[in-house]
């Protein structure tokens, strides 16, 4: 699977908090975001069924 790039707009306070959470978990901000996205998709699929691409 190819890795794609995504640019987001995020306010400074939220970004700073993200860095604190990521540091606490021993991850980069990028890795933390990927985990949050994975978890959101998993929750969605639990409620609505597997997403077929």
N, C-alpha and C. Protein backbone atom coordinates (compact mmCIF):
# COMPACT_ATOMS: atom_id res chain seq x y z
N UNK A 1 0.84 -1.17 0.00
CA UNK A 1 0.00 0.00 0.00
C UNK A 1 0.89 1.24 0.00
N UNK A 2 0.58 2.17 -0.89
CA UNK A 2 1.35 3.40 -0.98
C UNK A 2 1.01 4.33 0.18
N UNK A 3 1.98 5.06 0.65
CA UNK A 3 1.76 6.04 1.70
C UNK A 3 1.47 7.39 1.04
N UNK A 4 0.36 7.98 1.41
CA UNK A 4 -0.04 9.28 0.86
C UNK A 4 0.18 10.36 1.91
N UNK A 5 0.27 11.57 1.44
CA UNK A 5 0.46 12.72 2.31
C UNK A 5 -0.85 13.50 2.41
N UNK A 6 -1.13 14.06 3.59
CA UNK A 6 -2.35 14.83 3.82
C UNK A 6 -1.98 16.06 4.64
N UNK A 7 -2.40 17.21 4.17
CA UNK A 7 -2.15 18.45 4.89
C UNK A 7 -3.44 18.85 5.59
N UNK A 8 -3.34 19.26 6.87
CA UNK A 8 -4.52 19.69 7.60
C UNK A 8 -4.26 21.06 8.22
N UNK A 9 -5.36 21.76 8.48
CA UNK A 9 -5.28 23.02 9.21
C UNK A 9 -5.68 22.71 10.65
N UNK A 10 -4.87 23.17 11.59
CA UNK A 10 -5.14 22.90 13.00
C UNK A 10 -4.70 24.11 13.80
N UNK A 11 -5.54 24.52 14.75
CA UNK A 11 -5.16 25.71 15.52
C UNK A 11 -3.99 25.37 16.45
N UNK A 12 -3.28 26.39 16.83
CA UNK A 12 -2.03 26.22 17.59
C UNK A 12 -2.25 25.49 18.91
N UNK A 13 -3.31 25.84 19.63
CA UNK A 13 -3.56 25.20 20.92
C UNK A 13 -3.80 23.70 20.76
N UNK A 14 -4.60 23.33 19.78
CA UNK A 14 -4.87 21.91 19.55
C UNK A 14 -3.59 21.17 19.13
N UNK A 15 -2.78 21.80 18.31
CA UNK A 15 -1.52 21.19 17.89
C UNK A 15 -0.59 20.99 19.08
N UNK A 16 -0.51 21.99 19.94
CA UNK A 16 0.34 21.86 21.13
C UNK A 16 -0.14 20.72 22.02
N UNK A 17 -1.45 20.61 22.19
CA UNK A 17 -2.00 19.53 23.00
C UNK A 17 -1.74 18.17 22.36
N UNK A 18 -1.85 18.11 21.03
CA UNK A 18 -1.54 16.87 20.32
C UNK A 18 -0.10 16.44 20.58
N UNK A 19 0.82 17.38 20.55
CA UNK A 19 2.23 17.07 20.81
C UNK A 19 2.43 16.55 22.23
N UNK A 20 1.70 17.10 23.18
CA UNK A 20 1.81 16.63 24.57
C UNK A 20 1.31 15.19 24.68
N UNK A 21 0.15 14.92 24.07
CA UNK A 21 -0.39 13.55 24.09
C UNK A 21 0.57 12.58 23.41
N UNK A 22 1.06 12.97 22.24
CA UNK A 22 1.98 12.11 21.49
C UNK A 22 3.26 11.84 22.29
N UNK A 23 3.81 12.88 22.88
CA UNK A 23 5.02 12.71 23.70
C UNK A 23 4.76 11.76 24.87
N UNK A 24 3.62 11.92 25.52
CA UNK A 24 3.26 11.05 26.64
C UNK A 24 3.20 9.59 26.20
N UNK A 25 2.68 9.36 24.99
CA UNK A 25 2.55 8.00 24.46
C UNK A 25 3.85 7.50 23.82
N UNK A 26 4.86 8.37 23.74
CA UNK A 26 6.13 7.98 23.15
C UNK A 26 6.08 7.90 21.63
N UNK A 27 5.24 8.74 21.04
CA UNK A 27 5.05 8.72 19.59
C UNK A 27 5.30 10.10 19.01
N UNK A 28 5.46 10.13 17.70
CA UNK A 28 5.48 11.40 16.99
C UNK A 28 4.03 11.86 16.84
N UNK A 29 3.85 13.13 16.53
CA UNK A 29 2.50 13.65 16.29
C UNK A 29 1.87 12.92 15.11
N UNK A 30 2.65 12.64 14.08
CA UNK A 30 2.14 11.92 12.91
C UNK A 30 1.63 10.54 13.30
N UNK A 31 2.41 9.80 14.07
CA UNK A 31 2.00 8.47 14.50
C UNK A 31 0.75 8.53 15.37
N UNK A 32 0.67 9.53 16.23
CA UNK A 32 -0.51 9.69 17.09
C UNK A 32 -1.75 9.94 16.24
N UNK A 33 -1.64 10.79 15.24
CA UNK A 33 -2.77 11.06 14.34
C UNK A 33 -3.19 9.79 13.61
N UNK A 34 -2.24 9.01 13.13
CA UNK A 34 -2.58 7.77 12.43
C UNK A 34 -3.34 6.81 13.35
N UNK A 35 -2.93 6.73 14.60
CA UNK A 35 -3.62 5.86 15.56
C UNK A 35 -5.04 6.37 15.82
N UNK A 36 -5.20 7.68 15.96
CA UNK A 36 -6.53 8.24 16.18
C UNK A 36 -7.44 7.98 14.98
N UNK A 37 -6.90 8.12 13.78
CA UNK A 37 -7.69 7.84 12.57
C UNK A 37 -8.06 6.37 12.51
N UNK A 38 -7.09 5.48 12.78
CA UNK A 38 -7.36 4.05 12.78
C UNK A 38 -8.46 3.69 13.77
N UNK A 39 -8.40 4.27 14.97
CA UNK A 39 -9.41 4.01 15.99
C UNK A 39 -10.79 4.52 15.56
N UNK A 40 -10.84 5.69 14.92
CA UNK A 40 -12.11 6.24 14.46
C UNK A 40 -12.73 5.35 13.38
N UNK A 41 -11.90 4.85 12.47
CA UNK A 41 -12.39 3.95 11.43
C UNK A 41 -12.90 2.66 12.04
N UNK A 42 -12.17 2.13 13.01
CA UNK A 42 -12.58 0.90 13.68
C UNK A 42 -13.94 1.07 14.36
N UNK A 43 -14.14 2.18 15.06
CA UNK A 43 -15.42 2.45 15.70
C UNK A 43 -16.54 2.56 14.67
N UNK A 44 -16.27 3.24 13.58
CA UNK A 44 -17.26 3.39 12.51
C UNK A 44 -17.66 2.01 11.98
N UNK A 45 -16.66 1.16 11.72
CA UNK A 45 -16.93 -0.16 11.16
C UNK A 45 -17.68 -1.04 12.16
N UNK A 46 -17.44 -0.87 13.45
CA UNK A 46 -18.19 -1.63 14.45
C UNK A 46 -19.67 -1.29 14.39
N UNK A 47 -19.98 -0.04 14.14
CA UNK A 47 -21.38 0.41 14.09
C UNK A 47 -22.05 0.16 12.74
N UNK A 48 -21.28 0.30 11.65
CA UNK A 48 -21.86 0.32 10.32
C UNK A 48 -21.41 -0.80 9.40
N UNK A 49 -20.53 -1.63 9.87
CA UNK A 49 -20.00 -2.70 9.03
C UNK A 49 -18.72 -2.28 8.33
N UNK A 50 -18.03 -3.29 7.82
CA UNK A 50 -16.74 -3.08 7.18
C UNK A 50 -16.87 -2.16 5.98
N UNK A 51 -15.95 -1.23 5.86
CA UNK A 51 -15.91 -0.34 4.71
C UNK A 51 -15.24 -1.10 3.57
N UNK A 52 -15.95 -1.28 2.49
CA UNK A 52 -15.40 -1.95 1.32
C UNK A 52 -14.94 -0.90 0.32
N UNK A 53 -13.71 -1.00 -0.11
CA UNK A 53 -13.16 -0.05 -1.08
C UNK A 53 -13.17 -0.63 -2.47
